[in-house]
PDB file of N, CA and C in Angstrom:
ATOM      1  N   UNK A   1     122.852  45.369  44.168  1.00  0.00           N
ATOM      2  CA  UNK A   1     122.825  44.502  45.311  1.00  0.00           C
ATOM      3  C   UNK A   1     122.757  43.068  44.809  1.00  0.00           C
ATOM      4  N   UNK A   2     123.537  42.209  45.425  1.00  0.00           N
ATOM      5  CA  UNK A   2     123.572  40.818  45.001  1.00  0.00           C
ATOM      6  C   UNK A   2     122.639  40.009  45.874  1.00  0.00           C
ATOM      7  N   UNK A   3     122.157  38.881  45.372  1.00  0.00           N
ATOM      8  CA  UNK A   3     121.270  38.044  46.181  1.00  0.00           C
ATOM      9  C   UNK A   3     121.989  37.573  47.434  1.00  0.00           C
ATOM     10  N   UNK A   4     121.280  37.628  48.568  1.00  0.00           N
ATOM     11  CA  UNK A   4     121.846  37.162  49.826  1.00  0.00           C
ATOM     12  C   UNK A   4     122.427  38.289  50.672  1.00  0.00           C
ATOM     13  N   UNK A   5     122.584  39.476  50.110  1.00  0.00           N
ATOM     14  CA  UNK A   5     123.080  40.590  50.927  1.00  0.00           C
ATOM     15  C   UNK A   5     121.886  41.378  51.468  1.00  0.00           C
ATOM     16  N   UNK A   6     122.096  41.973  52.589  1.00  0.00           N
ATOM     17  CA  UNK A   6     121.030  42.722  53.242  1.00  0.00           C
ATOM     18  C   UNK A   6     121.318  44.206  53.061  1.00  0.00           C
ATOM     19  N   UNK A   7     120.324  44.924  52.647  1.00  0.00           N
ATOM     20  CA  UNK A   7     120.484  46.358  52.452  1.00  0.00           C
ATOM     21  C   UNK A   7     120.501  47.063  53.799  1.00  0.00           C
ATOM     22  N   UNK A   8     121.204  48.168  53.863  1.00  0.00           N
ATOM     23  CA  UNK A   8     121.234  48.973  55.088  1.00  0.00           C
ATOM     24  C   UNK A   8     119.842  49.554  55.323  1.00  0.00           C
ATOM     25  N   UNK A   9     119.443  49.634  56.574  1.00  0.00           N
ATOM     26  CA  UNK A   9     118.103  50.160  56.843  1.00  0.00           C
ATOM     27  C   UNK A   9     118.001  51.624  56.428  1.00  0.00           C
ATOM     28  N   UNK A  10     116.933  51.934  55.794  1.00  0.00           N
ATOM     29  CA  UNK A  10     116.639  53.311  55.399  1.00  0.00           C
ATOM     30  C   UNK A  10     115.542  53.822  56.324  1.00  0.00           C
ATOM     31  N   UNK A  11     115.258  55.100  56.321  1.00  0.00           N
ATOM     32  CA  UNK A  11     114.200  55.604  57.205  1.00  0.00           C
ATOM     33  C   UNK A  11     112.867  54.900  56.985  1.00  0.00           C
ATOM     34  N   UNK A  12     112.588  54.470  55.764  1.00  0.00           N
ATOM     35  CA  UNK A  12     111.322  53.793  55.502  1.00  0.00           C
ATOM     36  C   UNK A  12     111.336  52.364  56.038  1.00  0.00           C
ATOM     37  N   UNK A  13     112.512  51.704  56.068  1.00  0.00           N
ATOM     38  CA  UNK A  13     112.568  50.311  56.509  1.00  0.00           C
ATOM     39  C   UNK A  13     113.172  50.155  57.894  1.00  0.00           C
ATOM     40  N   UNK A  14     113.654  51.240  58.483  1.00  0.00           N
ATOM     41  CA  UNK A  14     114.260  51.152  59.818  1.00  0.00           C
ATOM     42  C   UNK A  14     113.179  50.806  60.831  1.00  0.00           C
ATOM     43  N   UNK A  15     113.536  50.012  61.832  1.00  0.00           N
ATOM     44  CA  UNK A  15     112.534  49.662  62.849  1.00  0.00           C
ATOM     45  C   UNK A  15     112.112  50.918  63.624  1.00  0.00           C
ATOM     46  N   UNK A  16     110.831  51.028  63.838  1.00  0.00           N
ATOM     47  CA  UNK A  16     110.286  52.175  64.573  1.00  0.00           C
ATOM     48  C   UNK A  16     110.428  51.928  66.072  1.00  0.00           C
ATOM     49  N   UNK A  17     110.896  52.975  66.785  1.00  0.00           N
ATOM     50  CA  UNK A  17     110.995  52.861  68.234  1.00  0.00           C
ATOM     51  C   UNK A  17     109.611  53.056  68.832  1.00  0.00           C
ATOM     52  N   UNK A  18     109.404  52.437  69.967  1.00  0.00           N
ATOM     53  CA  UNK A  18     108.144  52.596  70.669  1.00  0.00           C
ATOM     54  C   UNK A  18     108.039  54.044  71.146  1.00  0.00           C
ATOM     55  N   UNK A  19     106.923  54.700  70.845  1.00  0.00           N
ATOM     56  CA  UNK A  19     106.751  56.117  71.179  1.00  0.00           C
ATOM     57  C   UNK A  19     106.789  56.336  72.684  1.00  0.00           C
ATOM     58  N   UNK A  20     106.212  55.419  73.453  1.00  0.00           N
ATOM     59  CA  UNK A  20     106.211  55.601  74.905  1.00  0.00           C
ATOM     60  C   UNK A  20     107.615  55.447  75.478  1.00  0.00           C
ATOM     61  N   UNK A  21     108.410  54.560  74.924  1.00  0.00           N
ATOM     62  CA  UNK A  21     109.785  54.389  75.400  1.00  0.00           C
ATOM     63  C   UNK A  21     110.615  55.612  75.057  1.00  0.00           C
ATOM     64  N   UNK A  22     110.384  56.156  73.879  1.00  0.00           N
ATOM     65  CA  UNK A  22     111.115  57.355  73.478  1.00  0.00           C
ATOM     66  C   UNK A  22     110.721  58.536  74.351  1.00  0.00           C
ATOM     67  N   UNK A  23     109.429  58.674  74.636  1.00  0.00           N
ATOM     68  CA  UNK A  23     108.959  59.784  75.464  1.00  0.00           C
ATOM     69  C   UNK A  23     109.470  59.644  76.891  1.00  0.00           C
ATOM     70  N   UNK A  24     109.562  58.419  77.394  1.00  0.00           N
ATOM     71  CA  UNK A  24     110.038  58.210  78.751  1.00  0.00           C
ATOM     72  C   UNK A  24     111.527  58.500  78.858  1.00  0.00           C
ATOM     73  N   UNK A  25     112.268  58.294  77.785  1.00  0.00           N
ATOM     74  CA  UNK A  25     113.702  58.518  77.820  1.00  0.00           C
ATOM     75  C   UNK A  25     114.032  60.009  77.812  1.00  0.00           C
ATOM     76  N   UNK A  26     113.182  60.820  77.169  1.00  0.00           N
ATOM     77  CA  UNK A  26     113.434  62.253  77.089  1.00  0.00           C
ATOM     78  C   UNK A  26     112.787  62.964  78.271  1.00  0.00           C
ATOM     79  N   UNK A  27     113.481  63.894  78.898  1.00  0.00           N
ATOM     80  CA  UNK A  27     112.847  64.655  79.977  1.00  0.00           C
ATOM     81  C   UNK A  27     111.844  65.650  79.389  1.00  0.00           C
ATOM     82  N   UNK A  28     110.858  65.999  80.191  1.00  0.00           N
ATOM     83  CA  UNK A  28     109.873  66.985  79.743  1.00  0.00           C
ATOM     84  C   UNK A  28     110.547  68.330  79.582  1.00  0.00           C
ATOM     85  N   UNK A  29     110.182  69.058  78.543  1.00  0.00           N
ATOM     86  CA  UNK A  29     110.785  70.383  78.369  1.00  0.00           C
ATOM     87  C   UNK A  29     110.311  71.328  79.469  1.00  0.00           C
ATOM     88  N   UNK A  30     111.175  72.222  79.847  1.00  0.00           N
ATOM     89  CA  UNK A  30     110.818  73.188  80.875  1.00  0.00           C
ATOM     90  C   UNK A  30     109.807  74.160  80.288  1.00  0.00           C
ATOM     91  N   UNK A  31     108.660  74.359  80.979  1.00  0.00           N
ATOM     92  CA  UNK A  31     107.672  75.281  80.426  1.00  0.00           C
ATOM     93  C   UNK A  31     108.207  76.710  80.455  1.00  0.00           C
ATOM     94  N   UNK A  32     107.875  77.441  79.419  1.00  0.00           N
ATOM     95  CA  UNK A  32     108.298  78.823  79.340  1.00  0.00           C
ATOM     96  C   UNK A  32     107.397  79.684  80.218  1.00  0.00           C
ATOM     97  N   UNK A  33     107.949  80.714  80.819  1.00  0.00           N
ATOM     98  CA  UNK A  33     107.089  81.580  81.637  1.00  0.00           C
ATOM     99  C   UNK A  33     106.070  82.282  80.755  1.00  0.00           C
ATOM    100  N   UNK A  34     104.861  82.395  81.249  1.00  0.00           N
ATOM    101  CA  UNK A  34     103.812  83.054  80.491  1.00  0.00           C
ATOM    102  C   UNK A  34     103.125  84.080  81.384  1.00  0.00           C
ATOM    103  N   UNK A  35     102.209  84.822  80.802  1.00  0.00           N
ATOM    104  CA  UNK A  35     101.489  85.838  81.557  1.00  0.00           C
ATOM    105  C   UNK A  35     100.526  85.222  82.564  1.00  0.00           C
ATOM    106  N   UNK A  36      99.957  84.055  82.248  1.00  0.00           N
ATOM    107  CA  UNK A  36      98.983  83.410  83.124  1.00  0.00           C
ATOM    108  C   UNK A  36      99.425  81.987  83.417  1.00  0.00           C
ATOM    109  N   UNK A  37     100.280  81.789  84.415  1.00  0.00           N
ATOM    110  CA  UNK A  37     100.722  80.432  84.712  1.00  0.00           C
ATOM    111  C   UNK A  37      99.578  79.581  85.221  1.00  0.00           C
ATOM    112  N   UNK A  38      99.635  78.228  85.015  1.00  0.00           N
ATOM    113  CA  UNK A  38      98.518  77.392  85.391  1.00  0.00           C
ATOM    114  C   UNK A  38      98.265  77.320  86.867  1.00  0.00           C
ATOM    115  N   UNK A  39      98.614  77.900  87.781  1.00  0.00           N
ATOM    116  CA  UNK A  39      98.209  77.828  89.173  1.00  0.00           C
ATOM    117  C   UNK A  39      98.288  79.198  89.765  1.00  0.00           C
ATOM    118  N   UNK A  40      98.433  80.192  88.930  1.00  0.00           N
ATOM    119  CA  UNK A  40      98.620  81.540  89.429  1.00  0.00           C
ATOM    120  C   UNK A  40      97.316  82.276  89.645  1.00  0.00           C
ATOM    121  N   UNK A  41      97.102  83.303  88.866  1.00  0.00           N
ATOM    122  CA  UNK A  41      95.951  84.180  89.035  1.00  0.00           C
ATOM    123  C   UNK A  41      94.641  83.429  88.802  1.00  0.00           C
ATOM    124  N   UNK A  42      94.618  82.497  87.874  1.00  0.00           N
ATOM    125  CA  UNK A  42      93.378  81.781  87.574  1.00  0.00           C
ATOM    126  C   UNK A  42      92.892  81.015  88.797  1.00  0.00           C
ATOM    127  N   UNK A  43      93.804  80.422  89.550  1.00  0.00           N
ATOM    128  CA  UNK A  43      93.438  79.657  90.733  1.00  0.00           C
ATOM    129  C   UNK A  43      92.840  80.571  91.799  1.00  0.00           C
ATOM    130  N   UNK A  44      93.399  81.758  91.984  1.00  0.00           N
ATOM    131  CA  UNK A  44      92.879  82.692  92.976  1.00  0.00           C
ATOM    132  C   UNK A  44      91.481  83.148  92.578  1.00  0.00           C
ATOM    133  N   UNK A  45      91.275  83.442  91.301  1.00  0.00           N
ATOM    134  CA  UNK A  45      89.969  83.890  90.837  1.00  0.00           C
ATOM    135  C   UNK A  45      88.930  82.790  90.960  1.00  0.00           C
ATOM    136  N   UNK A  46      89.309  81.555  90.700  1.00  0.00           N
ATOM    137  CA  UNK A  46      88.344  80.466  90.777  1.00  0.00           C
ATOM    138  C   UNK A  46      87.910  80.205  92.210  1.00  0.00           C
ATOM    139  N   UNK A  47      88.760  80.537  93.203  1.00  0.00           N
ATOM    140  CA  UNK A  47      88.363  80.368  94.596  1.00  0.00           C
ATOM    141  C   UNK A  47      87.348  81.426  94.993  1.00  0.00           C
ATOM    142  N   UNK A  48      87.427  82.627  94.443  1.00  0.00           N
ATOM    143  CA  UNK A  48      86.499  83.701  94.776  1.00  0.00           C
ATOM    144  C   UNK A  48      85.211  83.615  93.972  1.00  0.00           C
ATOM    145  N   UNK A  49      85.275  83.096  92.771  1.00  0.00           N
ATOM    146  CA  UNK A  49      84.148  83.135  91.857  1.00  0.00           C
ATOM    147  C   UNK A  49      82.897  82.427  92.379  1.00  0.00           C
ATOM    148  N   UNK A  50      82.964  81.246  92.975  1.00  0.00           N
ATOM    149  CA  UNK A  50      81.731  80.624  93.470  1.00  0.00           C
ATOM    150  C   UNK A  50      81.027  81.481  94.518  1.00  0.00           C
ATOM    151  N   UNK A  51      81.769  82.176  95.367  1.00  0.00           N
ATOM    152  CA  UNK A  51      81.136  83.008  96.381  1.00  0.00           C
ATOM    153  C   UNK A  51      80.445  84.201  95.746  1.00  0.00           C
ATOM    154  N   UNK A  52      81.005  84.727  94.685  1.00  0.00           N
ATOM    155  CA  UNK A  52      80.358  85.831  93.980  1.00  0.00           C
ATOM    156  C   UNK A  52      79.064  85.345  93.345  1.00  0.00           C
ATOM    157  N   UNK A  53      79.106  84.190  92.726  1.00  0.00           N
ATOM    158  CA  UNK A  53      77.886  83.636  92.120  1.00  0.00           C
ATOM    159  C   UNK A  53      76.822  83.379  93.170  1.00  0.00           C
ATOM    160  N   UNK A  54      77.222  82.778  94.284  1.00  0.00           N
ATOM    161  CA  UNK A  54      76.268  82.474  95.355  1.00  0.00           C
ATOM    162  C   UNK A  54      75.656  83.763  95.879  1.00  0.00           C
ATOM    163  N   UNK A  55      76.462  84.793  96.056  1.00  0.00           N
ATOM    164  CA  UNK A  55      75.966  86.077  96.560  1.00  0.00           C
ATOM    165  C   UNK A  55      74.969  86.704  95.596  1.00  0.00           C
ATOM    166  N   UNK A  56      75.308  86.703  94.305  1.00  0.00           N
ATOM    167  CA  UNK A  56      74.399  87.299  93.327  1.00  0.00           C
ATOM    168  C   UNK A  56      73.075  86.550  93.247  1.00  0.00           C
ATOM    169  N   UNK A  57      73.143  85.244  93.220  1.00  0.00           N
ATOM    170  CA  UNK A  57      71.917  84.444  93.141  1.00  0.00           C
ATOM    171  C   UNK A  57      71.080  84.644  94.399  1.00  0.00           C
ATOM    172  N   UNK A  58      71.728  84.662  95.556  1.00  0.00           N
ATOM    173  CA  UNK A  58      70.998  84.876  96.819  1.00  0.00           C
ATOM    174  C   UNK A  58      70.351  86.246  96.848  1.00  0.00           C
ATOM    175  N   UNK A  59      71.071  87.251  96.375  1.00  0.00           N
ATOM    176  CA  UNK A  59      70.507  88.603  96.349  1.00  0.00           C
ATOM    177  C   UNK A  59      69.299  88.707  95.443  1.00  0.00           C
ATOM    178  N   UNK A  60      69.382  88.102  94.268  1.00  0.00           N
ATOM    179  CA  UNK A  60      68.253  88.132  93.333  1.00  0.00           C
ATOM    180  C   UNK A  60      67.057  87.385  93.917  1.00  0.00           C
ATOM    181  N   UNK A  61      67.288  86.244  94.534  1.00  0.00           N
ATOM    182  CA  UNK A  61      66.184  85.490  95.135  1.00  0.00           C
ATOM    183  C   UNK A  61      65.569  86.242  96.308  1.00  0.00           C
ATOM    184  N   UNK A  62      66.382  86.885  97.135  1.00  0.00           N
ATOM    185  CA  UNK A  62      65.858  87.663  98.264  1.00  0.00           C
ATOM    186  C   UNK A  62      65.026  88.838  97.764  1.00  0.00           C
ATOM    187  N   UNK A  63      65.517  89.535  96.745  1.00  0.00           N
ATOM    188  CA  UNK A  63      64.770  90.668  96.180  1.00  0.00           C
ATOM    189  C   UNK A  63      63.448  90.211  95.580  1.00  0.00           C
ATOM    190  N   UNK A  64      63.489  89.093  94.841  1.00  0.00           N
ATOM    191  CA  UNK A  64      62.272  88.571  94.220  1.00  0.00           C
ATOM    192  C   UNK A  64      61.272  88.137  95.285  1.00  0.00           C
ATOM    193  N   UNK A  65      61.744  87.456  96.313  1.00  0.00           N
ATOM    194  CA  UNK A  65      60.852  87.018  97.393  1.00  0.00           C
ATOM    195  C   UNK A  65      60.231  88.192  98.125  1.00  0.00           C
ATOM    196  N   UNK A  66      61.029  89.208  98.413  1.00  0.00           N
ATOM    197  CA  UNK A  66      60.513  90.397  99.105  1.00  0.00           C
ATOM    198  C   UNK A  66      59.475  91.107  98.238  1.00  0.00           C
ATOM    199  N   UNK A  67      59.769  91.250  96.954  1.00  0.00           N
ATOM    200  CA  UNK A  67      58.833  91.914  96.042  1.00  0.00           C
ATOM    201  C   UNK A  67      57.523  91.140  95.952  1.00  0.00           C
ATOM    202  N   UNK A  68      57.595  89.827  95.856  1.00  0.00           N
ATOM    203  CA  UNK A  68      56.367  89.026  95.771  1.00  0.00           C
ATOM    204  C   UNK A  68      55.565  89.102  97.066  1.00  0.00           C
ATOM    205  N   UNK A  69      56.249  89.131  98.214  1.00  0.00           N
ATOM    206  CA  UNK A  69      55.534  89.245  99.498  1.00  0.00           C
ATOM    207  C   UNK A  69      54.831  90.597  99.603  1.00  0.00           C
ATOM    208  N   UNK A  70      55.500  91.660  99.194  1.00  0.00           N
ATOM    209  CA  UNK A  70      54.891  92.994  99.271  1.00  0.00           C
ATOM    210  C   UNK A  70      53.699  93.076  98.319  1.00  0.00           C
ATOM    211  N   UNK A  71      53.875  92.579  97.106  1.00  0.00           N
ATOM    212  CA  UNK A  71      52.770  92.615  96.144  1.00  0.00           C
ATOM    213  C   UNK A  71      51.610  91.730  96.597  1.00  0.00           C
ATOM    214  N   UNK A  72      51.920  90.608  97.217  1.00  0.00           N
ATOM    215  CA  UNK A  72      50.862  89.717  97.727  1.00  0.00           C
ATOM    216  C   UNK A  72      50.131  90.343  98.893  1.00  0.00           C
ATOM    217  N   UNK A  73      50.835  91.072  99.759  1.00  0.00           N
ATOM    218  CA  UNK A  73      50.190  91.729 100.903  1.00  0.00           C
ATOM    219  C   UNK A  73      49.293  92.866 100.446  1.00  0.00           C
ATOM    220  N   UNK A  74      49.640  93.507  99.349  1.00  0.00           N
ATOM    221  CA  UNK A  74      48.812  94.608  98.841  1.00  0.00           C
ATOM    222  C   UNK A  74      47.726  94.096  97.888  1.00  0.00           C
ATOM    223  N   UNK A  75      47.615  92.794  97.751  1.00  0.00           N
ATOM    224  CA  UNK A  75      46.629  92.137  96.877  1.00  0.00           C
ATOM    225  C   UNK A  75      46.748  92.626  95.441  1.00  0.00           C
ATOM    226  N   UNK A  76      47.993  92.838  94.996  1.00  0.00           N
ATOM    227  CA  UNK A  76      48.203  93.256  93.612  1.00  0.00           C
ATOM    228  C   UNK A  76      48.489  92.054  92.717  1.00  0.00           C
ATOM    229  N   UNK A  77      48.777  90.905  93.305  1.00  0.00           N
ATOM    230  CA  UNK A  77      48.993  89.711  92.499  1.00  0.00           C
ATOM    231  C   UNK A  77      48.061  88.607  92.965  1.00  0.00           C
TER     232      UNK A  77
END
């Protein structure tokens, strides 16, 4: 190379494109079908799950309260 000439850009010296501009230019890839899609079965289970938890906790508290009342009435505690 002679003085005053400019070398062709190589991958190490080539200007880097802005990652956000590159990502915006490319469309998002189509997601592949899977066994558990993100709004499928998991969403249905999550809607039922709080009611199951509430029911179990309520049942345990009711049983504990009833047991303590019976034991207190019999002067065992």
